[in-house]
Amino acid sequence: MTWDGVVREKILPLFIVTMTHPDGDGWGQHVAAHVAFLQRLIVAGKIRVSGPAMGLGKRAGFIIMTVADAEEAGSLIEQDPFAIEGLIDDLTILEWTPMFGSLAGNGD
């Protein structure tokens, strides 16, 4: 792949997962199980980074996943305690190919 005349090799696609949580009470009841779930996926090498998004007016989070495809990302999210309990309002899964920086794997 080239971009601006620079050849990039072995750029791994990542998946950016965004979700919002409309139910603050339910969130509080299940956040510990949600965090334990995320930690298991981190250990398994499926999550690179995860955390809350601020300034949106409601609870929200981002996850950057390293998985084979969007279907695998969706399948994993379905196993999240927040999903099981119906606590995910808006969910997006976007494939992302980082070109530069630490997530690009090329040191740029």
PDB file of N, CA and C in Angstrom:
ATOM      1  N   MET A   1       0.848  -1.169   0.000  1.00  0.00           N
ATOM      2  CA  MET A   1       0.000   0.000   0.000  1.00  0.00           C
ATOM      3  C   MET A   1       0.896   1.235   0.000  1.00  0.00           C
ATOM      4  N   THR A   2       0.510   2.236  -0.729  1.00  0.00           N
ATOM      5  CA  THR A   2       1.263   3.488  -0.695  1.00  0.00           C
ATOM      6  C   THR A   2       0.336   4.617  -0.294  1.00  0.00           C
ATOM      7  N   TRP A   3       0.914   5.570   0.351  1.00  0.00           N
ATOM      8  CA  TRP A   3       0.196   6.786   0.712  1.00  0.00           C
ATOM      9  C   TRP A   3       1.203   7.902   0.663  1.00  0.00           C
ATOM     10  N   ASP A   4       0.952   8.894  -0.157  1.00  0.00           N
ATOM     11  CA  ASP A   4       1.851  10.034  -0.304  1.00  0.00           C
ATOM     12  C   ASP A   4       3.265   9.575  -0.668  1.00  0.00           C
ATOM     13  N   GLY A   5       3.337   8.531  -1.513  1.00  0.00           N
ATOM     14  CA  GLY A   5       4.623   8.055  -1.986  1.00  0.00           C
ATOM     15  C   GLY A   5       5.390   7.184  -1.013  1.00  0.00           C
ATOM     16  N   VAL A   6       4.829   6.892   0.146  1.00  0.00           N
ATOM     17  CA  VAL A   6       5.504   6.076   1.152  1.00  0.00           C
ATOM     18  C   VAL A   6       4.876   4.684   1.131  1.00  0.00           C
ATOM     19  N   VAL A   7       5.702   3.671   1.014  1.00  0.00           N
ATOM     20  CA  VAL A   7       5.197   2.301   0.991  1.00  0.00           C
ATOM     21  C   VAL A   7       4.977   1.828   2.421  1.00  0.00           C
ATOM     22  N   ARG A   8       3.810   1.275   2.674  1.00  0.00           N
ATOM     23  CA  ARG A   8       3.466   0.735   3.987  1.00  0.00           C
ATOM     24  C   ARG A   8       3.229  -0.757   3.832  1.00  0.00           C
ATOM     25  N   GLU A   9       3.890  -1.550   4.621  1.00  0.00           N
ATOM     26  CA  GLU A   9       3.702  -2.988   4.583  1.00  0.00           C
ATOM     27  C   GLU A   9       3.196  -3.480   5.934  1.00  0.00           C
ATOM     28  N   LYS A  10       2.474  -4.577   5.887  1.00  0.00           N
ATOM     29  CA  LYS A  10       1.985  -5.237   7.094  1.00  0.00           C
ATOM     30  C   LYS A  10       1.178  -4.307   7.996  1.00  0.00           C
ATOM     31  N   ILE A  11       0.311  -3.527   7.397  1.00  0.00           N
ATOM     32  CA  ILE A  11      -0.573  -2.682   8.193  1.00  0.00           C
ATOM     33  C   ILE A  11      -1.782  -3.530   8.577  1.00  0.00           C
ATOM     34  N   LEU A  12      -1.925  -3.780   9.855  1.00  0.00           N
ATOM     35  CA  LEU A  12      -3.016  -4.617  10.330  1.00  0.00           C
ATOM     36  C   LEU A  12      -4.264  -3.782  10.554  1.00  0.00           C
ATOM     37  N   PRO A  13      -5.392  -4.213  10.009  1.00  0.00           N
ATOM     38  CA  PRO A  13      -6.615  -3.472  10.300  1.00  0.00           C
ATOM     39  C   PRO A  13      -7.014  -3.688  11.755  1.00  0.00           C
ATOM     40  N   LEU A  14      -7.529  -2.658  12.321  1.00  0.00           N
ATOM     41  CA  LEU A  14      -8.092  -2.720  13.667  1.00  0.00           C
ATOM     42  C   LEU A  14      -9.574  -2.419  13.543  1.00  0.00           C
ATOM     43  N   PHE A  15     -10.300  -2.665  14.601  1.00  0.00           N
ATOM     44  CA  PHE A  15     -11.722  -2.355  14.607  1.00  0.00           C
ATOM     45  C   PHE A  15     -12.007  -1.445  15.790  1.00  0.00           C
ATOM     46  N   ILE A  16     -12.625  -0.306  15.484  1.00  0.00           N
ATOM     47  CA  ILE A  16     -13.013   0.650  16.512  1.00  0.00           C
ATOM     48  C   ILE A  16     -14.477   0.389  16.841  1.00  0.00           C
ATOM     49  N   VAL A  17     -14.718   0.066  18.089  1.00  0.00           N
ATOM     50  CA  VAL A  17     -16.072  -0.199  18.564  1.00  0.00           C
ATOM     51  C   VAL A  17     -16.479   0.978  19.440  1.00  0.00           C
ATOM     52  N   THR A  18     -17.624   1.572  19.137  1.00  0.00           N
ATOM     53  CA  THR A  18     -18.168   2.630  19.987  1.00  0.00           C
ATOM     54  C   THR A  18     -19.534   2.169  20.489  1.00  0.00           C
ATOM     55  N   MET A  19     -19.817   2.521  21.726  1.00  0.00           N
ATOM     56  CA  MET A  19     -21.113   2.152  22.292  1.00  0.00           C
ATOM     57  C   MET A  19     -21.550   3.198  23.308  1.00  0.00           C
ATOM     58  N   THR A  20     -22.857   3.360  23.429  1.00  0.00           N
ATOM     59  CA  THR A  20     -23.404   4.229  24.466  1.00  0.00           C
ATOM     60  C   THR A  20     -24.288   3.387  25.384  1.00  0.00           C
ATOM     61  N   HIS A  21     -24.426   3.887  26.606  1.00  0.00           N
ATOM     62  CA  HIS A  21     -25.166   3.169  27.648  1.00  0.00           C
ATOM     63  C   HIS A  21     -26.225   4.111  28.223  1.00  0.00           C
ATOM     64  N   PRO A  22     -27.498   3.911  27.895  1.00  0.00           N
ATOM     65  CA  PRO A  22     -28.535   4.836  28.342  1.00  0.00           C
ATOM     66  C   PRO A  22     -28.976   4.654  29.793  1.00  0.00           C
ATOM     67  N   ASP A  23     -28.713   3.497  30.366  1.00  0.00           N
ATOM     68  CA  ASP A  23     -29.247   3.149  31.685  1.00  0.00           C
ATOM     69  C   ASP A  23     -28.147   3.228  32.739  1.00  0.00           C
ATOM     70  N   GLY A  24     -28.077   4.353  33.444  1.00  0.00           N
ATOM     71  CA  GLY A  24     -27.036   4.540  34.451  1.00  0.00           C
ATOM     72  C   GLY A  24     -27.097   3.541  35.584  1.00  0.00           C
ATOM     73  N   ASP A  25     -28.306   3.181  36.029  1.00  0.00           N
ATOM     74  CA  ASP A  25     -28.437   2.207  37.117  1.00  0.00           C
ATOM     75  C   ASP A  25     -27.947   0.828  36.677  1.00  0.00           C
ATOM     76  N   GLY A  26     -28.363   0.401  35.496  1.00  0.00           N
ATOM     77  CA  GLY A  26     -27.914  -0.889  34.974  1.00  0.00           C
ATOM     78  C   GLY A  26     -26.418  -0.906  34.738  1.00  0.00           C
ATOM     79  N   TRP A  27     -25.901   0.216  34.252  1.00  0.00           N
ATOM     80  CA  TRP A  27     -24.455   0.336  34.042  1.00  0.00           C
ATOM     81  C   TRP A  27     -23.728   0.072  35.356  1.00  0.00           C
ATOM     82  N   GLY A  28     -24.180   0.729  36.425  1.00  0.00           N
ATOM     83  CA  GLY A  28     -23.537   0.572  37.725  1.00  0.00           C
ATOM     84  C   GLY A  28     -23.592  -0.855  38.246  1.00  0.00           C
ATOM     85  N   GLN A  29     -24.692  -1.547  37.968  1.00  0.00           N
ATOM     86  CA  GLN A  29     -24.848  -2.928  38.437  1.00  0.00           C
ATOM     87  C   GLN A  29     -23.937  -3.904  37.695  1.00  0.00           C
ATOM     88  N   HIS A  30     -23.599  -3.600  36.438  1.00  0.00           N
ATOM     89  CA  HIS A  30     -22.890  -4.578  35.602  1.00  0.00           C
ATOM     90  C   HIS A  30     -21.500  -4.130  35.162  1.00  0.00           C
ATOM     91  N   VAL A  31     -21.039  -2.982  35.640  1.00  0.00           N
ATOM     92  CA  VAL A  31     -19.744  -2.485  35.173  1.00  0.00           C
ATOM     93  C   VAL A  31     -18.593  -3.398  35.589  1.00  0.00           C
ATOM     94  N   ALA A  32     -18.651  -3.997  36.766  1.00  0.00           N
ATOM     95  CA  ALA A  32     -17.559  -4.882  37.194  1.00  0.00           C
ATOM     96  C   ALA A  32     -17.454  -6.098  36.269  1.00  0.00           C
ATOM     97  N   ALA A  33     -18.589  -6.685  35.904  1.00  0.00           N
ATOM     98  CA  ALA A  33     -18.579  -7.825  34.979  1.00  0.00           C
ATOM     99  C   ALA A  33     -18.101  -7.394  33.594  1.00  0.00           C
ATOM    100  N   HIS A  34     -18.489  -6.189  33.173  1.00  0.00           N
ATOM    101  CA  HIS A  34     -18.047  -5.636  31.887  1.00  0.00           C
ATOM    102  C   HIS A  34     -16.527  -5.482  31.874  1.00  0.00           C
ATOM    103  N   VAL A  35     -15.970  -4.924  32.935  1.00  0.00           N
ATOM    104  CA  VAL A  35     -14.515  -4.728  33.018  1.00  0.00           C
ATOM    105  C   VAL A  35     -13.798  -6.078  33.026  1.00  0.00           C
ATOM    106  N   ALA A  36     -14.316  -7.051  33.755  1.00  0.00           N
ATOM    107  CA  ALA A  36     -13.705  -8.390  33.767  1.00  0.00           C
ATOM    108  C   ALA A  36     -13.730  -9.006  32.368  1.00  0.00           C
ATOM    109  N   PHE A  37     -14.824  -8.809  31.652  1.00  0.00           N
ATOM    110  CA  PHE A  37     -14.937  -9.292  30.270  1.00  0.00           C
ATOM    111  C   PHE A  37     -13.870  -8.641  29.392  1.00  0.00           C
ATOM    112  N   LEU A  38     -13.732  -7.318  29.500  1.00  0.00           N
ATOM    113  CA  LEU A  38     -12.721  -6.610  28.709  1.00  0.00           C
ATOM    114  C   LEU A  38     -11.321  -7.103  29.046  1.00  0.00           C
ATOM    115  N   GLN A  39     -11.054  -7.314  30.315  1.00  0.00           N
ATOM    116  CA  GLN A  39      -9.729  -7.792  30.726  1.00  0.00           C
ATOM    117  C   GLN A  39      -9.418  -9.161  30.132  1.00  0.00           C
ATOM    118  N   ARG A  40     -10.413 -10.032  30.059  1.00  0.00           N
ATOM    119  CA  ARG A  40     -10.195 -11.350  29.432  1.00  0.00           C
ATOM    120  C   ARG A  40      -9.842 -11.191  27.954  1.00  0.00           C
ATOM    121  N   LEU A  41     -10.506 -10.267  27.263  1.00  0.00           N
ATOM    122  CA  LEU A  41     -10.204 -10.047  25.846  1.00  0.00           C
ATOM    123  C   LEU A  41      -8.838  -9.392  25.657  1.00  0.00           C
ATOM    124  N   ILE A  42      -8.417  -8.572  26.602  1.00  0.00           N
ATOM    125  CA  ILE A  42      -7.070  -7.991  26.539  1.00  0.00           C
ATOM    126  C   ILE A  42      -6.033  -9.100  26.659  1.00  0.00           C
ATOM    127  N   VAL A  43      -6.204  -9.976  27.632  1.00  0.00           N
ATOM    128  CA  VAL A  43      -5.272 -11.096  27.827  1.00  0.00           C
ATOM    129  C   VAL A  43      -5.243 -11.991  26.584  1.00  0.00           C
ATOM    130  N   ALA A  44      -6.390 -12.165  25.936  1.00  0.00           N
ATOM    131  CA  ALA A  44      -6.483 -13.001  24.735  1.00  0.00           C
ATOM    132  C   ALA A  44      -5.925 -12.307  23.493  1.00  0.00           C
ATOM    133  N   GLY A  45      -5.538 -11.028  23.623  1.00  0.00           N
ATOM    134  CA  GLY A  45      -4.987 -10.292  22.487  1.00  0.00           C
ATOM    135  C   GLY A  45      -6.027  -9.734  21.536  1.00  0.00           C
ATOM    136  N   LYS A  46      -7.282  -9.694  21.946  1.00  0.00           N
ATOM    137  CA  LYS A  46      -8.364  -9.201  21.087  1.00  0.00           C
ATOM    138  C   LYS A  46      -8.610  -7.702  21.242  1.00  0.00           C
ATOM    139  N   ILE A  47      -8.234  -7.134  22.392  1.00  0.00           N
ATOM    140  CA  ILE A  47      -8.415  -5.700  22.638  1.00  0.00           C
ATOM    141  C   ILE A  47      -7.054  -5.062  22.814  1.00  0.00           C
ATOM    142  N   ARG A  48      -6.834  -3.968  22.074  1.00  0.00           N
ATOM    143  CA  ARG A  48      -5.597  -3.197  22.221  1.00  0.00           C
ATOM    144  C   ARG A  48      -5.740  -2.138  23.304  1.00  0.00           C
ATOM    145  N   VAL A  49      -6.906  -1.486  23.347  1.00  0.00           N
ATOM    146  CA  VAL A  49      -7.144  -0.415  24.309  1.00  0.00           C
ATOM    147  C   VAL A  49      -8.655  -0.206  24.425  1.00  0.00           C
ATOM    148  N   SER A  50      -9.085   0.248  25.593  1.00  0.00           N
ATOM    149  CA  SER A  50     -10.505   0.477  25.819  1.00  0.00           C
ATOM    150  C   SER A  50     -10.670   1.515  26.913  1.00  0.00           C
ATOM    151  N   GLY A  51     -11.776   2.235  26.866  1.00  0.00           N
ATOM    152  CA  GLY A  51     -12.048   3.187  27.926  1.00  0.00           C
ATOM    153  C   GLY A  51     -13.266   4.036  27.633  1.00  0.00           C
ATOM    154  N   PRO A  52     -13.677   4.809  28.638  1.00  0.00           N
ATOM    155  CA  PRO A  52     -14.861   5.648  28.481  1.00  0.00           C
ATOM    156  C   PRO A  52     -14.585   6.857  27.594  1.00  0.00           C
ATOM    157  N   ALA A  53     -15.633   7.298  26.922  1.00  0.00           N
ATOM    158  CA  ALA A  53     -15.587   8.540  26.148  1.00  0.00           C
ATOM    159  C   ALA A  53     -16.242   9.621  26.994  1.00  0.00           C
ATOM    160  N   MET A  54     -15.659  10.787  26.994  1.00  0.00           N
ATOM    161  CA  MET A  54     -16.158  11.883  27.833  1.00  0.00           C
ATOM    162  C   MET A  54     -16.825  12.963  26.974  1.00  0.00           C
ATOM    163  N   GLY A  55     -17.689  13.741  27.602  1.00  0.00           N
ATOM    164  CA  GLY A  55     -18.264  14.918  26.966  1.00  0.00           C
ATOM    165  C   GLY A  55     -19.404  14.653  25.999  1.00  0.00           C
ATOM    166  N   LEU A  56     -19.995  13.474  26.037  1.00  0.00           N
ATOM    167  CA  LEU A  56     -21.082  13.157  25.112  1.00  0.00           C
ATOM    168  C   LEU A  56     -22.463  13.341  25.732  1.00  0.00           C
ATOM    169  N   GLY A  57     -22.524  13.614  27.026  1.00  0.00           N
ATOM    170  CA  GLY A  57     -23.810  13.784  27.682  1.00  0.00           C
ATOM    171  C   GLY A  57     -24.456  12.485  28.135  1.00  0.00           C
ATOM    172  N   LYS A  58     -23.836  11.359  27.831  1.00  0.00           N
ATOM    173  CA  LYS A  58     -24.291  10.064  28.336  1.00  0.00           C
ATOM    174  C   LYS A  58     -23.088   9.137  28.396  1.00  0.00           C
ATOM    175  N   ARG A  59     -23.230   8.047  29.122  1.00  0.00           N
ATOM    176  CA  ARG A  59     -22.120   7.096  29.246  1.00  0.00           C
ATOM    177  C   ARG A  59     -21.827   6.489  27.878  1.00  0.00           C
ATOM    178  N   ALA A  60     -20.541   6.437  27.553  1.00  0.00           N
ATOM    179  CA  ALA A  60     -20.124   5.872  26.271  1.00  0.00           C
ATOM    180  C   ALA A  60     -18.721   5.314  26.416  1.00  0.00           C
ATOM    181  N   GLY A  61     -18.369   4.413  25.521  1.00  0.00           N
ATOM    182  CA  GLY A  61     -17.030   3.843  25.557  1.00  0.00           C
ATOM    183  C   GLY A  61     -16.528   3.514  24.171  1.00  0.00           C
ATOM    184  N   PHE A  62     -15.207   3.437  24.063  1.00  0.00           N
ATOM    185  CA  PHE A  62     -14.528   3.042  22.827  1.00  0.00           C
ATOM    186  C   PHE A  62     -13.687   1.812  23.126  1.00  0.00           C
ATOM    187  N   ILE A  63     -13.603   0.928  22.163  1.00  0.00           N
ATOM    188  CA  ILE A  63     -12.726  -0.238  22.240  1.00  0.00           C
ATOM    189  C   ILE A  63     -12.003  -0.337  20.904  1.00  0.00           C
ATOM    190  N   ILE A  64     -10.702  -0.532  20.935  1.00  0.00           N
ATOM    191  CA  ILE A  64      -9.959  -0.823  19.708  1.00  0.00           C
ATOM    192  C   ILE A  64      -9.579  -2.293  19.773  1.00  0.00           C
ATOM    193  N   MET A  65     -10.105  -3.043  18.807  1.00  0.00           N
ATOM    194  CA  MET A  65      -9.941  -4.498  18.795  1.00  0.00           C
ATOM    195  C   MET A  65      -9.024  -4.944  17.660  1.00  0.00           C
ATOM    196  N   THR A  66      -8.299  -6.019  17.909  1.00  0.00           N
ATOM    197  CA  THR A  66      -7.513  -6.700  16.885  1.00  0.00           C
ATOM    198  C   THR A  66      -8.175  -8.056  16.675  1.00  0.00           C
ATOM    199  N   VAL A  67      -9.007  -8.136  15.654  1.00  0.00           N
ATOM    200  CA  VAL A  67      -9.741  -9.364  15.349  1.00  0.00           C
ATOM    201  C   VAL A  67      -9.724  -9.580  13.837  1.00  0.00           C
ATOM    202  N   ALA A  68     -10.199 -10.732  13.403  1.00  0.00           N
ATOM    203  CA  ALA A  68     -10.149 -11.081  11.984  1.00  0.00           C
ATOM    204  C   ALA A  68     -11.044 -10.201  11.125  1.00  0.00           C
ATOM    205  N   ASP A  69     -12.232  -9.869  11.644  1.00  0.00           N
ATOM    206  CA  ASP A  69     -13.173  -9.094  10.837  1.00  0.00           C
ATOM    207  C   ASP A  69     -14.252  -8.492  11.743  1.00  0.00           C
ATOM    208  N   ALA A  70     -15.120  -7.689  11.133  1.00  0.00           N
ATOM    209  CA  ALA A  70     -16.180  -7.020  11.894  1.00  0.00           C
ATOM    210  C   ALA A  70     -17.146  -8.026  12.520  1.00  0.00           C
ATOM    211  N   GLU A  71     -17.337  -9.159  11.857  1.00  0.00           N
ATOM    212  CA  GLU A  71     -18.232 -10.176  12.406  1.00  0.00           C
ATOM    213  C   GLU A  71     -17.687 -10.725  13.724  1.00  0.00           C
ATOM    214  N   GLU A  72     -16.372 -10.951  13.788  1.00  0.00           N
ATOM    215  CA  GLU A  72     -15.791 -11.429  15.040  1.00  0.00           C
ATOM    216  C   GLU A  72     -15.926 -10.369  16.129  1.00  0.00           C
ATOM    217  N   ALA A  73     -15.691  -9.113  15.766  1.00  0.00           N
ATOM    218  CA  ALA A  73     -15.851  -8.031  16.744  1.00  0.00           C
ATOM    219  C   ALA A  73     -17.279  -8.022  17.282  1.00  0.00           C
ATOM    220  N   GLY A  74     -18.255  -8.108  16.386  1.00  0.00           N
ATOM    221  CA  GLY A  74     -19.653  -8.114  16.809  1.00  0.00           C
ATOM    222  C   GLY A  74     -20.003  -9.307  17.677  1.00  0.00           C
ATOM    223  N   SER A  75     -19.472 -10.461  17.317  1.00  0.00           N
ATOM    224  CA  SER A  75     -19.722 -11.672  18.101  1.00  0.00           C
ATOM    225  C   SER A  75     -19.162 -11.540  19.515  1.00  0.00           C
ATOM    226  N   LEU A  76     -17.985 -10.955  19.628  1.00  0.00           N
ATOM    227  CA  LEU A  76     -17.400 -10.746  20.956  1.00  0.00           C
ATOM    228  C   LEU A  76     -18.218  -9.742  21.760  1.00  0.00           C
ATOM    229  N   ILE A  77     -18.637  -8.651  21.120  1.00  0.00           N
ATOM    230  CA  ILE A  77     -19.429  -7.638  21.830  1.00  0.00           C
ATOM    231  C   ILE A  77     -20.748  -8.235  22.321  1.00  0.00           C
ATOM    232  N   GLU A  78     -21.331  -9.163  21.573  1.00  0.00           N
ATOM    233  CA  GLU A  78     -22.569  -9.817  22.013  1.00  0.00           C
ATOM    234  C   GLU A  78     -22.382 -10.567  23.330  1.00  0.00           C
ATOM    235  N   GLN A  79     -21.139 -10.941  23.652  1.00  0.00           N
ATOM    236  CA  GLN A  79     -20.840 -11.662  24.891  1.00  0.00           C
ATOM    237  C   GLN A  79     -20.561 -10.721  26.070  1.00  0.00           C
ATOM    238  N   ASP A  80     -20.469  -9.425  25.799  1.00  0.00           N
ATOM    239  CA  ASP A  80     -20.232  -8.427  26.842  1.00  0.00           C
ATOM    240  C   ASP A  80     -21.438  -8.407  27.786  1.00  0.00           C
ATOM    241  N   PRO A  81     -21.220  -8.419  29.087  1.00  0.00           N
ATOM    242  CA  PRO A  81     -22.350  -8.329  30.018  1.00  0.00           C
ATOM    243  C   PRO A  81     -23.271  -7.137  29.746  1.00  0.00           C
ATOM    244  N   PHE A  82     -22.726  -6.017  29.287  1.00  0.00           N
ATOM    245  CA  PHE A  82     -23.591  -4.884  28.940  1.00  0.00           C
ATOM    246  C   PHE A  82     -24.550  -5.261  27.811  1.00  0.00           C
ATOM    247  N   ALA A  83     -24.069  -5.996  26.806  1.00  0.00           N
ATOM    248  CA  ALA A  83     -24.935  -6.419  25.701  1.00  0.00           C
ATOM    249  C   ALA A  83     -25.955  -7.443  26.190  1.00  0.00           C
ATOM    250  N   ILE A  84     -25.506  -8.391  26.972  1.00  0.00           N
ATOM    251  CA  ILE A  84     -26.398  -9.437  27.488  1.00  0.00           C
ATOM    252  C   ILE A  84     -27.540  -8.830  28.297  1.00  0.00           C
ATOM    253  N   GLU A  85     -27.249  -7.776  29.050  1.00  0.00           N
ATOM    254  CA  GLU A  85     -28.256  -7.118  29.893  1.00  0.00           C
ATOM    255  C   GLU A  85     -29.025  -6.020  29.159  1.00  0.00           C
ATOM    256  N   GLY A  86     -28.789  -5.847  27.859  1.00  0.00           N
ATOM    257  CA  GLY A  86     -29.504  -4.838  27.075  1.00  0.00           C
ATOM    258  C   GLY A  86     -29.089  -3.413  27.391  1.00  0.00           C
ATOM    259  N   LEU A  87     -27.835  -3.225  27.789  1.00  0.00           N
ATOM    260  CA  LEU A  87     -27.367  -1.910  28.224  1.00  0.00           C
ATOM    261  C   LEU A  87     -26.553  -1.166  27.167  1.00  0.00           C
ATOM    262  N   ILE A  88     -26.558  -1.650  25.942  1.00  0.00           N
ATOM    263  CA  ILE A  88     -25.886  -0.933  24.858  1.00  0.00           C
ATOM    264  C   ILE A  88     -26.958  -0.328  23.974  1.00  0.00           C
ATOM    265  N   ASP A  89     -26.912   0.992  23.838  1.00  0.00           N
ATOM    266  CA  ASP A  89     -27.897   1.730  23.053  1.00  0.00           C
ATOM    267  C   ASP A  89     -27.431   1.804  21.601  1.00  0.00           C
ATOM    268  N   ASP A  90     -26.433   2.608  21.345  1.00  0.00           N
ATOM    269  CA  ASP A  90     -25.873   2.754  20.005  1.00  0.00           C
ATOM    270  C   ASP A  90     -24.559   1.991  19.949  1.00  0.00           C
ATOM    271  N   LEU A  91     -24.389   1.177  18.918  1.00  0.00           N
ATOM    272  CA  LEU A  91     -23.173   0.391  18.743  1.00  0.00           C
ATOM    273  C   LEU A  91     -22.697   0.560  17.312  1.00  0.00           C
ATOM    274  N   THR A  92     -21.428   0.896  17.144  1.00  0.00           N
ATOM    275  CA  THR A  92     -20.821   0.923  15.815  1.00  0.00           C
ATOM    276  C   THR A  92     -19.532   0.119  15.859  1.00  0.00           C
ATOM    277  N   ILE A  93     -19.249  -0.535  14.749  1.00  0.00           N
ATOM    278  CA  ILE A  93     -18.001  -1.274  14.578  1.00  0.00           C
ATOM    279  C   ILE A  93     -17.426  -0.837  13.245  1.00  0.00           C
ATOM    280  N   LEU A  94     -16.280  -0.173  13.299  1.00  0.00           N
ATOM    281  CA  LEU A  94     -15.648   0.362  12.097  1.00  0.00           C
ATOM    282  C   LEU A  94     -14.278  -0.265  11.899  1.00  0.00           C
ATOM    283  N   GLU A  95     -14.004  -0.732  10.679  1.00  0.00           N
ATOM    284  CA  GLU A  95     -12.652  -1.194  10.379  1.00  0.00           C
ATOM    285  C   GLU A  95     -11.766   0.029  10.182  1.00  0.00           C
ATOM    286  N   TRP A  96     -10.569  -0.037  10.734  1.00  0.00           N
ATOM    287  CA  TRP A  96      -9.644   1.097  10.689  1.00  0.00           C
ATOM    288  C   TRP A  96      -8.248   0.571  10.404  1.00  0.00           C
ATOM    289  N   THR A  97      -7.582   1.168   9.444  1.00  0.00           N
ATOM    290  CA  THR A  97      -6.206   0.807   9.131  1.00  0.00           C
ATOM    291  C   THR A  97      -5.309   1.973   9.508  1.00  0.00           C
ATOM    292  N   PRO A  98      -4.659   1.919  10.660  1.00  0.00           N
ATOM    293  CA  PRO A  98      -3.762   3.004  11.048  1.00  0.00           C
ATOM    294  C   PRO A  98      -2.560   3.050  10.109  1.00  0.00           C
ATOM    295  N   MET A  99      -2.226   4.239   9.674  1.00  0.00           N
ATOM    296  CA  MET A  99      -1.092   4.425   8.766  1.00  0.00           C
ATOM    297  C   MET A  99       0.154   4.906   9.499  1.00  0.00           C
ATOM    298  N   PHE A 100      -0.029   5.651  10.572  1.00  0.00           N
ATOM    299  CA  PHE A 100       1.101   6.270  11.257  1.00  0.00           C
ATOM    300  C   PHE A 100       0.911   6.145  12.763  1.00  0.00           C
ATOM    301  N   GLY A 101       2.003   6.128  13.495  1.00  0.00           N
ATOM    302  CA  GLY A 101       1.950   6.106  14.950  1.00  0.00           C
ATOM    303  C   GLY A 101       2.096   4.710  15.517  1.00  0.00           C
ATOM    304  N   SER A 102       1.979   4.636  16.825  1.00  0.00           N
ATOM    305  CA  SER A 102       2.273   3.385  17.524  1.00  0.00           C
ATOM    306  C   SER A 102       1.323   2.249  17.147  1.00  0.00           C
ATOM    307  N   LEU A 103       0.088   2.534  16.815  1.00  0.00           N
ATOM    308  CA  LEU A 103      -0.847   1.478  16.437  1.00  0.00           C
ATOM    309  C   LEU A 103      -0.644   0.998  15.006  1.00  0.00           C
ATOM    310  N   ALA A 104       0.137   1.744  14.222  1.00  0.00           N
ATOM    311  CA  ALA A 104       0.405   1.343  12.839  1.00  0.00           C
ATOM    312  C   ALA A 104       1.447   0.238  12.772  1.00  0.00           C
ATOM    313  N   GLY A 105       2.202   0.062  13.847  1.00  0.00           N
ATOM    314  CA  GLY A 105       3.188  -0.997  13.880  1.00  0.00           C
ATOM    315  C   GLY A 105       4.428  -0.729  13.065  1.00  0.00           C
ATOM    316  N   ASN A 106       4.618   0.534  12.664  1.00  0.00           N
ATOM    317  CA  ASN A 106       5.789   0.841  11.848  1.00  0.00           C
ATOM    318  C   ASN A 106       6.694   1.882  12.483  1.00  0.00           C
ATOM    319  N   GLY A 107       6.357   2.320  13.687  1.00  0.00           N
ATOM    320  CA  GLY A 107       7.204   3.269  14.402  1.00  0.00           C
ATOM    321  C   GLY A 107       7.114   4.699  13.934  1.00  0.00           C
ATOM    322  N   ASP A 108       6.247   4.979  12.944  1.00  0.00           N
ATOM    323  CA  ASP A 108       6.117   6.365  12.458  1.00  0.00           C
ATOM    324  C   ASP A 108       5.306   7.197  13.425  1.00  0.00           C
TER     325      ASP A 108
END
